[in-house]
């Protein structure tokens, strides 16, 4: 089991940018997947973007494609760069980890961070 800590959330105006970080307590396994999810009040948790550690494949939800970029920064950090933010991006953002291939289904992930709040005003 790995402990995950997210940071970088905040309040911005529409069109602004934020960079979220997910730091793990240990180095990521070579075949792990780190995925970002978000959950707005009254809505289901949604898979946003993920990266396969070692392989480098990246995955994006259609709703954020072209605006968000997920990347592995070092052995235990994955970041989510968010540009052109919209009010609909307002949510609590979580990173999650699993061993094996990436899924956008949150039920596939065992290890979660506590979340970081992103608020986008119009």
C-alpha atoms as a PDB file:
ATOM      1  CA  UNK A   1       0.000   0.000   0.000  1.00  0.00           C
ATOM      2  CA  UNK A   2       1.238   3.491  -0.822  1.00  0.00           C
ATOM      3  CA  UNK A   3       0.278   6.798   0.762  1.00  0.00           C
ATOM      4  CA  UNK A   4      -0.586   9.573  -1.679  1.00  0.00           C
ATOM      5  CA  UNK A   5      -0.716  13.303  -0.997  1.00  0.00           C
ATOM      6  CA  UNK A   6      -2.221  15.797  -3.439  1.00  0.00           C
ATOM      7  CA  UNK A   7      -1.456  19.501  -3.491  1.00  0.00           C
ATOM      8  CA  UNK A   8      -1.776  22.507  -5.749  1.00  0.00           C
ATOM      9  CA  UNK A   9      -5.502  23.120  -5.704  1.00  0.00           C
ATOM     10  CA  UNK A  10      -6.989  26.565  -5.289  1.00  0.00           C
ATOM     11  CA  UNK A  11      -9.406  29.138  -6.628  1.00  0.00           C
ATOM     12  CA  UNK A  12      -8.956  30.625 -10.088  1.00  0.00           C
ATOM     13  CA  UNK A  13     -11.018  32.469 -12.643  1.00  0.00           C
ATOM     14  CA  UNK A  14     -12.203  30.830 -15.829  1.00  0.00           C
ATOM     15  CA  UNK A  15      -9.377  30.589 -18.320  1.00  0.00           C
ATOM     16  CA  UNK A  16      -6.763  30.268 -15.599  1.00  0.00           C
ATOM     17  CA  UNK A  17      -4.333  27.454 -14.864  1.00  0.00           C
ATOM     18  CA  UNK A  18      -3.375  25.233 -11.971  1.00  0.00           C
ATOM     19  CA  UNK A  19      -0.841  22.474 -11.484  1.00  0.00           C
ATOM     20  CA  UNK A  20      -1.716  19.639  -9.157  1.00  0.00           C
ATOM     21  CA  UNK A  21       0.886  17.284  -7.701  1.00  0.00           C
ATOM     22  CA  UNK A  22       0.500  13.762  -6.370  1.00  0.00           C
ATOM     23  CA  UNK A  23       3.385  12.662  -4.185  1.00  0.00           C
ATOM     24  CA  UNK A  24       3.732   9.043  -3.079  1.00  0.00           C
ATOM     25  CA  UNK A  25       5.366   7.726   0.080  1.00  0.00           C
ATOM     26  CA  UNK A  26       7.544   5.411  -2.014  1.00  0.00           C
ATOM     27  CA  UNK A  27       8.740   5.253  -5.594  1.00  0.00           C
ATOM     28  CA  UNK A  28       6.062   4.154  -8.006  1.00  0.00           C
ATOM     29  CA  UNK A  29       6.268   0.565  -9.215  1.00  0.00           C
ATOM     30  CA  UNK A  30       7.301   0.220 -12.843  1.00  0.00           C
ATOM     31  CA  UNK A  31       3.958  -1.302 -13.811  1.00  0.00           C
ATOM     32  CA  UNK A  32       1.762   0.979 -11.734  1.00  0.00           C
ATOM     33  CA  UNK A  33      -0.902   3.349 -12.941  1.00  0.00           C
ATOM     34  CA  UNK A  34      -1.513   6.733 -11.364  1.00  0.00           C
ATOM     35  CA  UNK A  35      -4.887   8.238 -12.188  1.00  0.00           C
ATOM     36  CA  UNK A  36      -6.498  11.558 -11.382  1.00  0.00           C
ATOM     37  CA  UNK A  37     -10.175  11.604 -10.506  1.00  0.00           C
ATOM     38  CA  UNK A  38     -12.499  14.409  -9.579  1.00  0.00           C
ATOM     39  CA  UNK A  39     -15.809  14.652  -7.798  1.00  0.00           C
ATOM     40  CA  UNK A  40     -18.131  17.624  -7.741  1.00  0.00           C
ATOM     41  CA  UNK A  41     -20.919  17.946  -5.159  1.00  0.00           C
ATOM     42  CA  UNK A  42     -23.850  15.731  -6.089  1.00  0.00           C
ATOM     43  CA  UNK A  43     -21.967  14.042  -8.919  1.00  0.00           C
ATOM     44  CA  UNK A  44     -20.190  10.722  -9.318  1.00  0.00           C
ATOM     45  CA  UNK A  45     -16.436  10.459  -9.197  1.00  0.00           C
ATOM     46  CA  UNK A  46     -15.035  10.926 -12.707  1.00  0.00           C
ATOM     47  CA  UNK A  47     -11.751   9.712 -14.158  1.00  0.00           C
ATOM     48  CA  UNK A  48      -9.845  12.681 -15.555  1.00  0.00           C
ATOM     49  CA  UNK A  49      -6.359  11.599 -16.613  1.00  0.00           C
ATOM     50  CA  UNK A  50      -3.870   8.836 -15.956  1.00  0.00           C
ATOM     51  CA  UNK A  51      -0.326   7.792 -16.691  1.00  0.00           C
ATOM     52  CA  UNK A  52       1.238   4.349 -16.871  1.00  0.00           C
ATOM     53  CA  UNK A  53       4.468   4.352 -14.884  1.00  0.00           C
ATOM     54  CA  UNK A  54       7.377   3.041 -16.891  1.00  0.00           C
ATOM     55  CA  UNK A  55       5.422   2.670 -20.133  1.00  0.00           C
ATOM     56  CA  UNK A  56       4.549   6.334 -20.400  1.00  0.00           C
ATOM     57  CA  UNK A  57       1.071   5.898 -21.891  1.00  0.00           C
ATOM     58  CA  UNK A  58      -1.352   8.651 -20.944  1.00  0.00           C
ATOM     59  CA  UNK A  59      -5.106   8.648 -20.798  1.00  0.00           C
ATOM     60  CA  UNK A  60      -7.542  11.557 -20.856  1.00  0.00           C
ATOM     61  CA  UNK A  61     -11.256  12.042 -20.476  1.00  0.00           C
ATOM     62  CA  UNK A  62     -12.907  13.709 -23.454  1.00  0.00           C
ATOM     63  CA  UNK A  63     -14.088  16.570 -21.265  1.00  0.00           C
ATOM     64  CA  UNK A  64     -10.530  17.747 -20.546  1.00  0.00           C
ATOM     65  CA  UNK A  65      -8.616  16.579 -23.589  1.00  0.00           C
ATOM     66  CA  UNK A  66      -6.396  19.309 -24.950  1.00  0.00           C
ATOM     67  CA  UNK A  67      -6.568  21.338 -21.752  1.00  0.00           C
ATOM     68  CA  UNK A  68      -5.039  19.036 -19.130  1.00  0.00           C
ATOM     69  CA  UNK A  69      -1.680  17.246 -19.229  1.00  0.00           C
ATOM     70  CA  UNK A  70      -0.672  14.418 -16.909  1.00  0.00           C
ATOM     71  CA  UNK A  71       2.984  13.583 -16.460  1.00  0.00           C
ATOM     72  CA  UNK A  72       5.387  11.744 -14.223  1.00  0.00           C
ATOM     73  CA  UNK A  73       7.804  14.254 -12.766  1.00  0.00           C
ATOM     74  CA  UNK A  74      10.093  11.909 -10.869  1.00  0.00           C
ATOM     75  CA  UNK A  75      10.160   8.530  -9.145  1.00  0.00           C
ATOM     76  CA  UNK A  76       7.342   9.352  -6.738  1.00  0.00           C
ATOM     77  CA  UNK A  77       5.493  12.373  -8.197  1.00  0.00           C
ATOM     78  CA  UNK A  78       2.835  12.708 -10.867  1.00  0.00           C
ATOM     79  CA  UNK A  79       1.430  16.087 -11.829  1.00  0.00           C
ATOM     80  CA  UNK A  80      -1.689  17.302 -13.585  1.00  0.00           C
ATOM     81  CA  UNK A  81      -1.311  20.554 -15.455  1.00  0.00           C
ATOM     82  CA  UNK A  82      -4.707  22.187 -16.022  1.00  0.00           C
ATOM     83  CA  UNK A  83      -5.084  25.037 -18.505  1.00  0.00           C
ATOM     84  CA  UNK A  84      -8.106  26.933 -19.797  1.00  0.00           C
ATOM     85  CA  UNK A  85     -10.050  26.032 -16.706  1.00  0.00           C
ATOM     86  CA  UNK A  86     -13.828  26.214 -16.788  1.00  0.00           C
ATOM     87  CA  UNK A  87     -16.398  26.480 -13.991  1.00  0.00           C
ATOM     88  CA  UNK A  88     -17.398  22.885 -14.804  1.00  0.00           C
ATOM     89  CA  UNK A  89     -13.894  21.812 -13.699  1.00  0.00           C
ATOM     90  CA  UNK A  90     -14.753  22.776 -10.127  1.00  0.00           C
ATOM     91  CA  UNK A  91     -14.393  19.661  -7.970  1.00  0.00           C
ATOM     92  CA  UNK A  92     -12.301  17.846  -5.418  1.00  0.00           C
ATOM     93  CA  UNK A  93      -9.404  16.243  -7.268  1.00  0.00           C
ATOM     94  CA  UNK A  94      -7.910  12.953  -6.108  1.00  0.00           C
ATOM     95  CA  UNK A  95      -5.011  10.858  -7.274  1.00  0.00           C
ATOM     96  CA  UNK A  96      -5.156   7.095  -7.025  1.00  0.00           C
ATOM     97  CA  UNK A  97      -2.746   4.241  -7.633  1.00  0.00           C
ATOM     98  CA  UNK A  98      -3.010   0.642  -8.708  1.00  0.00           C
ATOM     99  CA  UNK A  99      -0.630  -2.054  -9.888  1.00  0.00           C
ATOM    100  CA  UNK A 100      -1.267  -2.916 -13.507  1.00  0.00           C
ATOM    101  CA  UNK A 101      -2.981  -1.255 -16.430  1.00  0.00           C
ATOM    102  CA  UNK A 102      -4.841   2.017 -16.174  1.00  0.00           C
ATOM    103  CA  UNK A 103      -8.601   2.150 -15.844  1.00  0.00           C
ATOM    104  CA  UNK A 104     -10.819   5.186 -15.636  1.00  0.00           C
ATOM    105  CA  UNK A 105     -13.113   3.321 -13.230  1.00  0.00           C
ATOM    106  CA  UNK A 106     -12.444   4.404  -9.652  1.00  0.00           C
ATOM    107  CA  UNK A 107     -13.435   0.972  -8.327  1.00  0.00           C
ATOM    108  CA  UNK A 108     -10.204  -0.448  -9.748  1.00  0.00           C
ATOM    109  CA  UNK A 109      -8.000   1.611  -7.424  1.00  0.00           C
ATOM    110  CA  UNK A 110      -6.965   0.729  -3.900  1.00  0.00           C
ATOM    111  CA  UNK A 111      -4.778   3.623  -2.829  1.00  0.00           C
ATOM    112  CA  UNK A 112      -6.112   7.158  -2.683  1.00  0.00           C
ATOM    113  CA  UNK A 113      -5.012  10.567  -1.529  1.00  0.00           C
ATOM    114  CA  UNK A 114      -7.112  12.909   0.560  1.00  0.00           C
ATOM    115  CA  UNK A 115      -7.894  15.245  -2.339  1.00  0.00           C
ATOM    116  CA  UNK A 116      -7.275  18.865  -3.214  1.00  0.00           C
ATOM    117  CA  UNK A 117     -10.053  21.344  -4.015  1.00  0.00           C
ATOM    118  CA  UNK A 118     -10.175  23.175  -7.331  1.00  0.00           C
ATOM    119  CA  UNK A 119     -12.676  26.029  -7.684  1.00  0.00           C
ATOM    120  CA  UNK A 120     -13.117  27.895 -10.962  1.00  0.00           C
ATOM    121  CA  UNK A 121     -15.232  31.027 -11.004  1.00  0.00           C
ATOM    122  CA  UNK A 122     -16.838  32.570 -14.073  1.00  0.00           C
END
